[in-house]
Every structure is written in C-alpha cells, then in structure tokens.
Protein backbone atom coordinates (compact mmCIF):
# COMPACT_ATOMS: atom_id res chain seq x y z
CA UNK A 1 73.47 98.18 133.34
CA UNK A 2 72.61 97.99 129.97
CA UNK A 3 71.67 94.26 128.75
CA UNK A 4 74.21 91.89 126.75
CA UNK A 5 71.45 89.72 124.16
CA UNK A 6 74.46 89.62 121.71
CA UNK A 7 77.46 87.26 121.80
CA UNK A 8 80.42 85.69 120.21
CA UNK A 9 79.82 84.69 116.44
CA UNK A 10 76.07 86.74 116.68
CA UNK A 11 77.82 89.42 117.82
CA UNK A 12 80.87 89.37 115.06
CA UNK A 13 78.15 88.96 112.31
CA UNK A 14 75.98 91.50 113.51
CA UNK A 15 78.77 93.61 113.70
CA UNK A 16 80.21 92.35 109.99
CA UNK A 17 76.60 93.28 108.48
CA UNK A 18 76.95 96.36 109.84
CA UNK A 19 79.88 96.81 107.13
CA UNK A 20 78.87 95.51 104.55
CA UNK A 21 75.06 97.78 105.15
CA UNK A 22 76.42 100.45 104.13
CA UNK A 23 79.29 99.08 101.17
CA UNK A 24 76.21 98.05 99.71
CA UNK A 25 74.08 101.34 99.93
CA UNK A 26 77.62 103.04 98.68
CA UNK A 27 77.96 100.59 95.44
CA UNK A 28 74.12 101.06 95.59
CA UNK A 29 74.19 104.13 94.69
CA UNK A 30 77.56 105.00 92.53
CA UNK A 31 76.16 102.06 90.71
CA UNK A 32 73.30 103.87 89.19
CA UNK A 33 74.77 107.16 88.84
CA UNK A 34 77.50 106.02 87.04
CA UNK A 35 74.71 104.84 84.77
CA UNK A 36 72.44 107.21 84.07
CA UNK A 37 75.48 109.33 83.84
CA UNK A 38 74.32 111.28 86.37
CA UNK A 39 77.71 113.28 88.28
CA UNK A 40 78.26 112.86 92.20
CA UNK A 41 82.11 112.82 94.63
CA UNK A 42 81.17 110.73 97.75
CA UNK A 43 82.77 112.49 101.02
CA UNK A 44 82.73 111.44 104.40
CA UNK A 45 83.97 108.62 105.26
CA UNK A 46 83.53 106.40 103.39
CA UNK A 47 86.20 108.68 100.71
CA UNK A 48 88.43 108.94 104.03
CA UNK A 49 88.40 105.07 103.39
CA UNK A 50 89.92 104.89 100.13
CA UNK A 51 92.48 107.87 101.16
CA UNK A 52 93.62 106.78 103.75
CA UNK A 53 93.92 102.44 102.81
CA UNK A 54 96.74 103.84 99.60
CA UNK A 55 98.70 104.73 102.66
CA UNK A 56 98.08 103.08 106.12
CA UNK A 57 95.22 100.49 105.60
CA UNK A 58 94.99 99.87 109.09
CA UNK A 59 94.18 103.37 109.74
CA UNK A 60 90.99 102.96 108.30
CA UNK A 61 87.98 103.10 110.41
CA UNK A 62 84.29 102.36 109.33
CA UNK A 63 81.67 104.45 108.49
CA UNK A 64 77.61 104.03 109.24
CA UNK A 65 76.77 107.14 106.93
CA UNK A 66 77.14 107.51 102.80
CA UNK A 67 76.93 110.78 102.10
CA UNK A 68 78.04 112.23 98.08
CA UNK A 69 77.75 116.17 96.11
CA UNK A 70 75.45 116.96 93.41
CA UNK A 71 75.03 119.58 91.36
CA UNK A 72 71.46 120.66 92.11
CA UNK A 73 70.43 120.74 88.76
CA UNK A 74 71.31 117.15 88.76
CA UNK A 75 69.08 116.39 91.03
CA UNK A 76 66.25 115.09 88.87
CA UNK A 77 68.14 112.93 87.33
CA UNK A 78 69.64 111.25 90.47
CA UNK A 79 65.85 110.53 91.90
CA UNK A 80 65.27 109.05 88.40
CA UNK A 81 68.41 107.22 89.02
CA UNK A 82 67.98 106.15 92.72
CA UNK A 83 64.18 104.89 93.27
CA UNK A 84 64.42 101.75 91.14
CA UNK A 85 67.22 100.52 93.37
CA UNK A 86 64.68 101.33 96.50
CA UNK A 87 66.17 104.51 97.45
CA UNK A 88 63.15 107.67 98.26
CA UNK A 89 64.27 111.12 97.68
CA UNK A 90 62.98 113.12 100.88
CA UNK A 91 64.07 116.70 102.03
CA UNK A 92 63.56 117.44 106.10
CA UNK A 93 64.94 120.51 108.02
CA UNK A 94 67.01 121.90 104.81
CA UNK A 95 68.41 118.34 104.52
CA UNK A 96 68.11 116.17 101.89
CA UNK A 97 68.86 112.47 101.68
CA UNK A 98 67.58 109.50 100.18
CA UNK A 99 66.49 107.12 102.38
CA UNK A 100 67.30 102.98 102.31
CA UNK A 101 63.80 101.74 101.37
CA UNK A 102 60.33 102.97 102.86
CA UNK A 103 61.09 102.17 106.63
CA UNK A 104 64.46 103.83 106.40
CA UNK A 105 65.78 106.02 109.37
CA UNK A 106 67.37 109.14 108.44
CA UNK A 107 70.79 107.17 108.91
CA UNK A 108 69.51 104.52 106.69
CA UNK A 109 69.51 107.22 104.68
CA UNK A 110 71.65 109.20 101.31
CA UNK A 111 72.49 112.25 102.43
CA UNK A 112 73.25 114.74 99.25
CA UNK A 113 75.49 118.26 99.80
CA UNK A 114 75.04 120.40 96.36
CA UNK A 115 78.34 121.03 94.58
CA UNK A 116 79.15 125.74 94.75
CA UNK A 117 76.65 125.89 97.80
CA UNK A 118 77.84 126.87 101.13
CA UNK A 119 76.45 123.82 103.90
CA UNK A 120 75.59 126.30 107.05
CA UNK A 121 75.62 130.11 105.72
CA UNK A 122 78.58 130.45 108.45
CA UNK A 123 80.98 127.15 106.56
CA UNK A 124 83.95 129.71 105.31
CA UNK A 125 83.56 127.11 102.26
CA UNK A 126 80.98 126.47 99.69
CA UNK A 127 81.08 122.88 98.99
CA UNK A 128 84.24 122.07 96.30
CA UNK A 129 82.73 121.91 92.25
CA UNK A 130 82.51 117.93 90.78
CA UNK A 131 84.36 118.68 87.70
CA UNK A 132 87.99 117.48 89.39
CA UNK A 133 87.30 113.85 90.71
CA UNK A 134 89.77 110.85 92.23
CA UNK A 135 87.92 107.24 91.22
CA UNK A 136 87.58 104.96 93.80
CA UNK A 137 87.57 101.80 92.06
CA UNK A 138 84.17 102.27 90.35
CA UNK A 139 83.43 105.00 92.72
CA UNK A 140 83.98 109.28 92.10
CA UNK A 141 85.33 111.28 95.31
CA UNK A 142 86.46 114.90 95.64
CA UNK A 143 90.70 114.31 95.91
CA UNK A 144 92.36 114.43 97.99
CA UNK A 145 92.97 118.31 98.40
CA UNK A 146 88.96 118.58 97.85
CA UNK A 147 88.12 116.73 100.43
CA UNK A 148 90.54 117.57 103.33
CA UNK A 149 89.15 121.82 102.70
CA UNK A 150 85.81 120.18 103.48
CA UNK A 151 86.69 118.05 106.26
CA UNK A 152 88.26 121.16 108.09
CA UNK A 153 85.02 123.73 106.90
CA UNK A 154 83.07 121.20 108.69
CA UNK A 155 85.55 121.04 111.47
CA UNK A 156 83.38 118.47 113.35
CA UNK A 157 84.70 115.54 116.01
CA UNK A 158 84.52 112.97 113.32
CA UNK A 159 86.61 115.43 110.59
CA UNK A 160 89.25 116.40 112.83
CA UNK A 161 89.52 112.84 112.93
CA UNK A 162 89.39 112.40 110.17
CA UNK A 163 92.40 114.48 109.14
CA UNK A 164 94.49 113.29 111.92
CA UNK A 165 93.63 110.48 110.94
CA UNK A 166 95.65 111.99 107.20
CA UNK A 167 98.17 113.30 109.62
CA UNK A 168 99.90 110.00 111.42
CA UNK A 169 100.98 108.95 108.20
CA UNK A 170 101.99 111.68 106.52
CA UNK A 171 99.58 112.27 104.40
CA UNK A 172 99.43 116.25 105.11
CA UNK A 173 101.69 118.32 106.68
CA UNK A 174 102.98 121.58 107.47
CA UNK A 175 103.57 122.03 103.90
CA UNK A 176 99.51 122.62 103.33
CA UNK A 177 98.86 125.05 105.31
CA UNK A 178 99.48 127.47 102.67
CA UNK A 179 96.84 125.96 100.65
CA UNK A 180 93.22 126.98 102.24
CA UNK A 181 92.06 130.11 103.59
CA UNK A 182 93.40 131.60 106.32
CA UNK A 183 90.78 130.26 109.48
CA UNK A 184 91.70 126.61 107.44
CA UNK A 185 95.25 126.89 107.74
CA UNK A 186 94.35 127.96 111.40
CA UNK A 187 91.88 124.68 111.77
CA UNK A 188 94.86 122.34 110.45
CA UNK A 189 97.64 124.27 112.07
CA UNK A 190 95.90 123.31 115.29
CA UNK A 191 95.74 119.42 114.46
CA UNK A 192 99.59 119.33 113.55
CA UNK A 193 100.52 121.32 116.88
CA UNK A 194 98.12 118.25 118.35
CA UNK A 195 97.59 115.37 116.15
CA UNK A 196 96.34 113.24 119.19
CA UNK A 197 93.53 115.98 120.29
C-alpha cells in the first residue's frame, strides 16, 4: 500500500510546482541559447504543447522533459552558454544532457539530440535540421511536419499519444501520409485507423 503524504492544498501546490520547474528549466535554456546566438530547437512534449494549444488547449499535456536539438558543432558554445545559469554538461551511456544543478538526476536534465544524426542506428530518419524553425513565444521549435516526423520515427508510447492528440483535433489526417517514408506512413496509418489506441 502506498502511503499518502500530501492532500488538499499541499498536494495541488506540489503539482503546480512540478509543472513550473519544467517551464522554468525550458525558459532558462532557451533564453541563454538565444542570448549566445546558439541555434537550437525545442522538441518533445514542450513542442507538442505549443502546436496543439494553438488549436485546442484542452488537449495540452504536461511534460516532465525538456528536449532540444543542437548542431553537434555548436555543443561547446551551448556548454559555455548554459553553465552560468546552473546547467552541468554530462554524457552518459551515449546520452548527451545538461543536468539542472550538481544534485540533479537525469530526469532533471535537458536532453540533447544532434541535428542530422540518428538517435538510434535502427531509426528510419535522422534528427531534422534546425535551419528551419518556428517560434513558440521566445523559443525556437521545429515546424510541425518535422516534429511529427520525429514522433513517428521514435514511436514510443508517448510519441504515439502525442500524434493521436494531434489527430483528435484535426491537425493531422490522411493527407499527411504521402509526406513520409513508407515505414513512417505505415505507423501514421496505424494511428489514424486506431485513434483511441
């Protein structure tokens, strides 16, 4: 049995704080990279939030992750830009990240993938270029098609949920199939045919 430690206002405060910590982490990263003129793009759940909120805010999901794309050649400049605001560069088991402080865990990090490189050798597509980007307030993110391509390439549970959310509000439909590699077409068709999982 799980012991319940927090109830009422204390529990709501913890939930609100958890959401704000992620948003603050993203703001600190994007502000610092913008100031240093280091190209990047926010991806993952934060990017999905940006796109779906423009259509239907009831579909917005919170995320615990901050994920970005960098050009590998810009990594030294990113390290230099992020260290003054408390981020510590780490590479562990092939994962590149910036820990949010000396006592942070990997889940408290900004995770980095590199433009033009495959995250895993088995992936059909490499990470998109960040030469083209869209703005989410003061932060850069991927154009919608590139973000969807990344989601279909990764195709983890959370990626499928994000794509289904976009399908549910009409952002993605059958007309999108021809935009993608045959493997990604098949994955998108599966989600279009079974939007409820």
